[in-house]
Protein backbone atom coordinates (compact mmCIF):
# COMPACT_ATOMS: atom_id res chain seq x y z
CA MET A 1 -14.63 -35.38 6.51
CA ARG A 2 -15.31 -33.02 9.41
CA TRP A 3 -13.50 -29.74 9.96
CA THR A 4 -14.30 -26.41 11.61
CA ILE A 5 -13.98 -22.82 10.50
CA GLU A 6 -11.65 -22.21 13.47
CA GLU A 7 -9.29 -24.86 12.12
CA ILE A 8 -9.31 -23.19 8.72
CA ARG A 9 -8.59 -19.77 10.20
CA THR A 10 -5.77 -21.17 12.33
CA PHE A 11 -4.29 -23.03 9.35
CA LEU A 12 -4.19 -19.78 7.34
CA ASP A 13 -2.67 -17.94 10.31
CA VAL A 14 0.16 -20.48 10.42
CA MET A 15 0.65 -20.17 6.65
CA ASP A 16 0.73 -16.36 6.84
CA THR A 17 3.04 -16.06 9.85
CA GLY A 18 5.18 -19.12 9.13
CA THR A 19 5.18 -20.39 12.71
CA VAL A 20 2.85 -21.83 15.32
CA SER A 21 3.90 -19.13 17.79
CA GLY A 22 3.19 -16.41 15.24
CA ALA A 23 -0.27 -17.79 14.57
CA ALA A 24 -0.91 -18.05 18.30
CA ALA A 25 0.06 -14.41 18.84
CA ARG A 26 -2.07 -13.23 15.94
CA SER A 27 -5.19 -15.00 17.23
CA ASN A 28 -4.46 -14.61 20.96
CA LEU A 29 -4.39 -18.39 21.44
CA SER A 30 -1.96 -20.73 23.13
CA LYS A 31 0.50 -22.63 20.96
CA SER A 32 -1.01 -25.90 22.13
CA VAL A 33 -4.44 -24.87 20.83
CA VAL A 34 -2.94 -23.89 17.47
CA SER A 35 -1.05 -27.19 17.22
CA LYS A 36 -4.18 -29.19 18.08
CA ARG A 37 -6.28 -27.39 15.48
CA ILE A 38 -3.68 -28.08 12.80
CA ALA A 39 -3.47 -31.74 13.83
CA ASP A 40 -7.27 -32.05 13.79
CA LEU A 41 -7.45 -30.50 10.33
CA GLU A 42 -4.78 -32.85 9.03
CA ALA A 43 -6.68 -35.79 10.46
CA ALA A 44 -9.90 -34.62 8.81
CA LEU A 45 -8.17 -34.18 5.45
CA GLY A 46 -6.10 -37.34 5.71
CA ALA A 47 -3.02 -35.43 4.56
CA ALA A 48 -0.03 -33.74 6.16
CA LEU A 49 -0.08 -29.96 5.84
CA PHE A 50 3.28 -29.24 7.45
CA GLN A 51 6.63 -30.97 7.67
CA ARG A 52 8.04 -30.88 11.19
CA HIS A 53 11.74 -31.02 11.96
CA ALA A 54 13.73 -29.88 15.01
CA GLY A 55 10.93 -27.63 16.25
CA ARG A 56 10.41 -25.99 12.87
CA ILE A 57 7.58 -26.42 10.39
CA SER A 58 7.35 -25.90 6.65
CA PRO A 59 4.20 -26.19 4.52
CA THR A 60 3.76 -29.11 2.18
CA GLU A 61 2.72 -28.71 -1.43
CA SER A 62 -0.80 -29.69 -0.40
CA ALA A 63 -0.84 -26.88 2.18
CA GLU A 64 0.26 -24.30 -0.37
CA GLU A 65 -2.49 -25.36 -2.79
CA LEU A 66 -5.11 -25.47 -0.03
CA ALA A 67 -4.20 -22.01 1.27
CA LEU A 68 -4.35 -20.58 -2.23
CA ARG A 69 -7.96 -21.72 -2.56
CA LEU A 70 -9.09 -21.08 1.00
CA ARG A 71 -7.98 -17.45 1.40
CA PRO A 72 -10.42 -15.95 -1.12
CA ALA A 73 -13.16 -18.39 -0.09
CA LEU A 74 -12.86 -17.44 3.58
CA ALA A 75 -12.75 -13.73 2.77
CA GLU A 76 -15.88 -14.02 0.63
CA MET A 77 -17.70 -15.95 3.34
CA ASN A 78 -16.79 -13.34 5.97
CA ASP A 79 -17.94 -10.54 3.70
CA ALA A 80 -21.23 -12.28 2.93
CA VAL A 81 -22.00 -12.79 6.63
CA GLU A 82 -21.04 -9.23 7.55
CA SER A 83 -23.04 -7.77 4.66
CA ALA A 84 -26.15 -9.62 5.78
CA ALA A 85 -25.73 -8.33 9.33
CA TRP A 86 -25.08 -4.75 8.19
CA GLY A 87 -28.19 -4.66 6.03
CA MET A 88 -30.32 -3.95 9.08
CA ALA A 89 -27.88 -2.45 11.53
CA GLY A 90 -25.44 -0.25 9.60
CA LEU A 91 -21.69 -0.86 9.26
CA ARG A 92 -20.26 -3.28 11.79
CA GLY A 93 -17.36 -5.64 12.03
CA SER A 94 -13.86 -4.58 10.99
CA LEU A 95 -12.18 -2.75 8.12
CA ALA A 96 -8.43 -2.98 7.48
CA ILE A 97 -6.84 -0.31 5.28
CA ALA A 98 -3.28 -0.22 3.91
CA ALA A 99 -1.67 2.98 2.62
CA PRO A 100 1.74 4.49 1.80
CA MET A 101 3.33 6.21 4.77
CA SER A 102 3.97 9.72 3.42
CA PHE A 103 0.56 10.04 1.81
CA GLY A 104 -1.11 8.44 4.81
CA ILE A 105 0.45 10.66 7.45
CA GLY A 106 0.18 13.83 5.38
CA HIS A 107 -3.30 13.49 3.89
CA LEU A 108 -5.16 10.26 4.57
CA GLY A 109 -5.41 10.26 8.36
CA PRO A 110 -8.12 12.95 8.70
CA VAL A 111 -10.15 11.35 5.91
CA ILE A 112 -10.16 7.96 7.64
CA ALA A 113 -10.88 9.61 10.99
CA ASP A 114 -13.95 11.26 9.49
CA PHE A 115 -15.11 7.89 8.13
CA ALA A 116 -14.61 6.25 11.52
CA ARG A 117 -16.68 8.97 13.22
CA GLN A 118 -19.51 8.33 10.79
CA HIS A 119 -19.51 4.58 11.57
CA PRO A 120 -18.95 4.15 15.31
CA ASP A 121 -19.72 0.40 15.29
CA LEU A 122 -17.03 -0.35 12.71
CA ALA A 123 -13.52 -1.23 13.95
CA VAL A 124 -11.00 0.45 11.62
CA THR A 125 -7.35 -0.54 11.27
CA LEU A 126 -5.01 1.76 9.32
CA ASP A 127 -1.57 0.39 8.38
CA TYR A 128 1.08 2.68 6.84
CA ASP A 129 3.82 1.05 4.76
CA ASP A 130 5.49 2.29 1.58
CA ARG A 131 5.96 -1.28 0.34
CA VAL A 132 3.26 -2.89 -1.82
CA ILE A 133 1.47 -5.34 0.50
CA ASP A 134 -0.40 -8.47 -0.56
CA LEU A 135 -3.92 -7.56 0.53
CA VAL A 136 -5.23 -11.12 0.83
CA ARG A 137 -2.24 -12.46 2.72
CA GLY A 138 -2.11 -9.37 4.91
CA ARG A 139 -5.88 -9.53 5.52
CA PHE A 140 -6.54 -6.03 4.27
CA ASP A 141 -9.91 -5.06 2.86
CA VAL A 142 -8.66 -2.14 0.81
CA ALA A 143 -5.50 -0.17 0.01
CA VAL A 144 -4.52 3.21 -1.35
CA ARG A 145 -1.82 2.91 -4.02
CA ILE A 146 0.37 5.62 -5.56
CA GLY A 147 1.72 5.28 -9.09
CA GLN A 148 1.12 2.99 -12.03
CA LEU A 149 -0.52 -0.25 -10.93
CA ARG A 150 0.60 -3.72 -11.87
CA ASP A 151 -1.93 -6.15 -13.33
CA SER A 152 -2.55 -7.88 -10.00
CA GLY A 153 -6.17 -8.95 -10.38
CA LEU A 154 -7.29 -6.29 -7.89
CA ILE A 155 -10.28 -4.06 -8.54
CA THR A 156 -9.20 -0.43 -9.02
CA ARG A 157 -10.83 2.96 -8.75
CA LYS A 158 -8.75 6.00 -9.60
CA LEU A 159 -9.12 8.83 -7.09
CA CYS A 160 -7.01 11.58 -8.66
CA GLU A 161 -3.63 12.36 -10.20
CA ASP A 162 -0.76 14.02 -8.40
CA PRO A 163 1.80 16.06 -10.39
CA ARG A 164 5.45 15.46 -9.70
CA VAL A 165 8.05 18.21 -9.48
CA ILE A 166 11.82 18.43 -9.69
CA VAL A 167 13.11 20.27 -6.64
CA ALA A 168 16.35 21.43 -5.07
CA SER A 169 17.32 23.52 -2.07
CA PRO A 170 18.28 27.19 -2.49
CA ASP A 171 21.76 26.31 -1.19
CA TYR A 172 22.16 23.60 -3.82
CA ILE A 173 21.14 26.02 -6.58
CA VAL A 174 23.77 28.54 -5.45
CA ARG A 175 26.45 25.86 -5.50
CA ARG A 176 25.49 23.84 -8.57
CA GLY A 177 23.04 25.88 -10.63
CA VAL A 178 19.83 24.46 -12.04
CA PRO A 179 19.12 21.94 -14.79
CA GLU A 180 17.01 23.30 -17.63
CA SER A 181 16.74 20.44 -20.13
CA LEU A 182 16.55 16.65 -20.18
CA ASP A 183 20.23 16.55 -21.13
CA ASP A 184 21.14 18.65 -18.08
CA LEU A 185 19.49 16.31 -15.56
CA PRO A 186 22.08 13.48 -15.48
CA THR A 187 24.85 16.00 -14.76
CA HIS A 188 23.31 16.63 -11.33
CA PRO A 189 23.36 14.23 -8.35
CA SER A 190 19.87 12.95 -7.65
CA ILE A 191 18.11 11.53 -4.62
CA GLY A 192 16.80 8.05 -5.39
CA TYR A 193 13.73 6.09 -4.36
CA LEU A 194 14.23 2.48 -3.29
CA ASN A 195 10.71 1.05 -3.38
CA VAL A 196 10.24 1.12 -7.16
CA GLN A 197 12.63 -0.80 -9.38
CA ALA A 198 12.39 1.69 -12.25
CA ALA A 199 12.73 4.77 -10.03
CA GLY A 200 16.25 5.40 -11.36
CA VAL A 201 14.74 6.43 -14.69
CA TRP A 202 12.86 9.72 -14.51
CA GLN A 203 10.03 9.89 -17.04
CA PHE A 204 8.76 13.00 -18.81
CA LEU A 205 5.87 13.82 -21.14
CA GLY A 206 6.59 15.50 -24.46
CA ASP A 207 4.27 17.97 -26.15
CA ASP A 208 3.09 15.17 -28.44
CA GLY A 209 2.29 12.86 -25.50
CA THR A 210 5.35 10.65 -25.88
CA VAL A 211 7.25 9.57 -22.76
CA THR A 212 11.02 10.00 -22.49
CA GLY A 213 13.05 8.25 -19.81
CA VAL A 214 16.19 9.84 -18.35
CA PRO A 215 18.52 7.51 -16.36
CA MET A 216 19.69 9.20 -13.16
CA GLN A 217 22.56 8.34 -10.83
CA SER A 218 21.78 8.53 -7.12
CA ARG A 219 24.44 8.92 -4.45
CA VAL A 220 21.79 9.09 -1.72
CA SER A 221 18.60 6.99 -1.76
CA ALA A 222 15.68 6.44 0.60
CA ASN A 223 12.57 4.25 0.79
CA ASN A 224 10.24 7.06 1.83
CA GLY A 225 9.16 10.30 0.14
CA GLU A 226 9.54 12.46 3.24
CA ALA A 227 13.08 11.17 3.75
CA MET A 228 13.86 12.05 0.13
CA ARG A 229 12.41 15.52 0.70
CA ASP A 230 14.60 16.01 3.76
CA MET A 231 17.71 14.98 1.78
CA ALA A 232 16.81 17.52 -0.87
CA VAL A 233 16.28 20.23 1.76
CA ALA A 234 19.76 19.39 3.07
CA GLY A 235 21.19 20.21 -0.36
CA LEU A 236 22.34 16.70 -1.31
CA GLY A 237 20.95 16.81 -4.85
CA ILE A 238 17.88 17.26 -6.98
CA ALA A 239 14.81 15.13 -6.36
CA LEU A 240 11.72 14.14 -8.31
CA LEU A 241 8.93 14.24 -5.73
CA PRO A 242 5.15 13.96 -5.67
CA MET A 243 3.54 17.32 -5.01
CA PHE A 244 1.80 15.89 -1.93
CA VAL A 245 5.28 15.38 -0.44
CA ALA A 246 6.96 18.55 -1.71
CA HIS A 247 4.22 21.20 -1.43
CA GLU A 248 4.85 22.31 2.16
CA ALA A 249 8.64 22.62 1.69
CA LEU A 250 8.01 24.61 -1.50
CA ARG A 251 5.61 26.90 0.34
CA LYS A 252 8.17 27.54 3.08
CA GLY A 253 11.01 28.16 0.63
CA GLN A 254 12.99 25.17 1.84
CA LEU A 255 12.84 23.78 -1.69
CA VAL A 256 12.61 25.47 -5.08
CA ARG A 257 11.07 24.01 -8.19
CA VAL A 258 13.62 23.63 -11.00
CA ALA A 259 13.42 22.63 -14.67
CA GLY A 260 9.87 23.97 -14.67
CA LYS A 261 9.48 23.57 -18.43
CA LEU A 262 9.84 19.80 -18.15
CA LYS A 263 6.71 17.73 -17.49
CA PRO A 264 7.27 14.68 -15.27
CA THR A 265 4.66 11.97 -15.75
CA PRO A 266 1.97 12.36 -13.06
CA LEU A 267 1.27 9.81 -10.35
CA PRO A 268 -2.20 8.28 -10.29
CA ILE A 269 -3.64 7.81 -6.79
CA SER A 270 -5.99 4.84 -6.63
CA VAL A 271 -7.92 2.69 -4.21
CA VAL A 272 -7.72 -1.06 -4.79
CA TRP A 273 -9.39 -4.12 -3.29
CA PRO A 274 -9.65 -7.86 -3.95
CA PRO A 275 -12.55 -8.93 -6.18
CA VAL A 276 -15.48 -9.88 -3.96
CA LYS A 277 -19.09 -10.49 -5.03
CA PRO A 278 -21.33 -9.15 -3.76
CA MET A 279 -19.30 -6.08 -2.81
CA PRO A 280 -19.54 -5.69 0.99
CA MET A 281 -21.23 -2.56 2.27
CA LYS A 282 -18.16 -1.56 4.28
CA LEU A 283 -16.02 -1.76 1.16
CA ARG A 284 -18.41 0.25 -0.96
CA ALA A 285 -18.68 2.83 1.81
CA ILE A 286 -14.93 3.40 2.23
CA VAL A 287 -14.30 3.49 -1.54
CA ASP A 288 -17.03 6.11 -2.02
CA HIS A 289 -15.73 8.08 0.96
CA LEU A 290 -12.18 8.15 -0.43
CA ALA A 291 -13.44 9.12 -3.88
CA GLY A 292 -15.34 12.02 -2.37
CA ALA A 293 -12.35 13.20 -0.33
CA PHE A 294 -9.77 13.01 -3.12
CA SER A 295 -11.49 14.44 -6.15
CA GLU A 296 -9.88 15.33 -9.44
CA ARG A 297 -8.40 18.41 -7.76
CA SER A 298 -6.49 17.20 -4.74
CA PRO A 299 -6.59 19.20 -1.47
CA TRP A 300 -2.82 19.92 -1.45
CA LEU A 301 -3.12 21.60 -4.88
CA THR A 302 -5.71 24.17 -3.82
């Protein structure tokens, strides 16, 4: 059995993008080269990896199983080679970072820029998206995540916690008054968040540490914290926002904190990455840099 690393990379590109043309665009290759590499890999394996019909392809069960095993193996091999090269020459190669849009634009950009200045031979890619992205499939080295983390098998390092606040516009308060208790909250229209399934239930900490959930009805919803903030500024309802989203509007008086005696559960801010041994130098460097930038007292709280 003879196969090449280029064939493996191209196979995974086709699996990730779903098409030959998508894989070709990702790798800057012609479609004919991609098709030949796939055909050569199938010949080497003695098994069909894709079903072809009317110009479309779909992966076989063998392809799904192979991709599942190859992705982490290829990532570990790349990291091992890069780590060996960096040992003598400093950080080189590439580093892909995923982060939520509001936090990224508002607070992460300068931190990553400082890291890039410190390592001029390292190519850095920064991708903002509020959705939770599969790091392995998306070929990301590391991600910043906001909120409680699912048990995904990723390695996690907590950076800090961000308090959340209930806010409303001054105009809304004049028209509707302010909620003071947990029972008051559902009587007010709220601005919902689309990216988290449980976002319709606002959670609060009691004095004894217990958590109470309050179901809220949202007439207006958005998939981005800054969009939610803007809806609140427009007077469309009350909103439960991270402080890193709300702090500037609070400072300017565009929003007012309400129900100040209630304690929303805080949002942990973490950096996560796929398990890789040994840990690549570039990964250790960016994790340490983020931990230093976002200490237990976050910059937007000072």
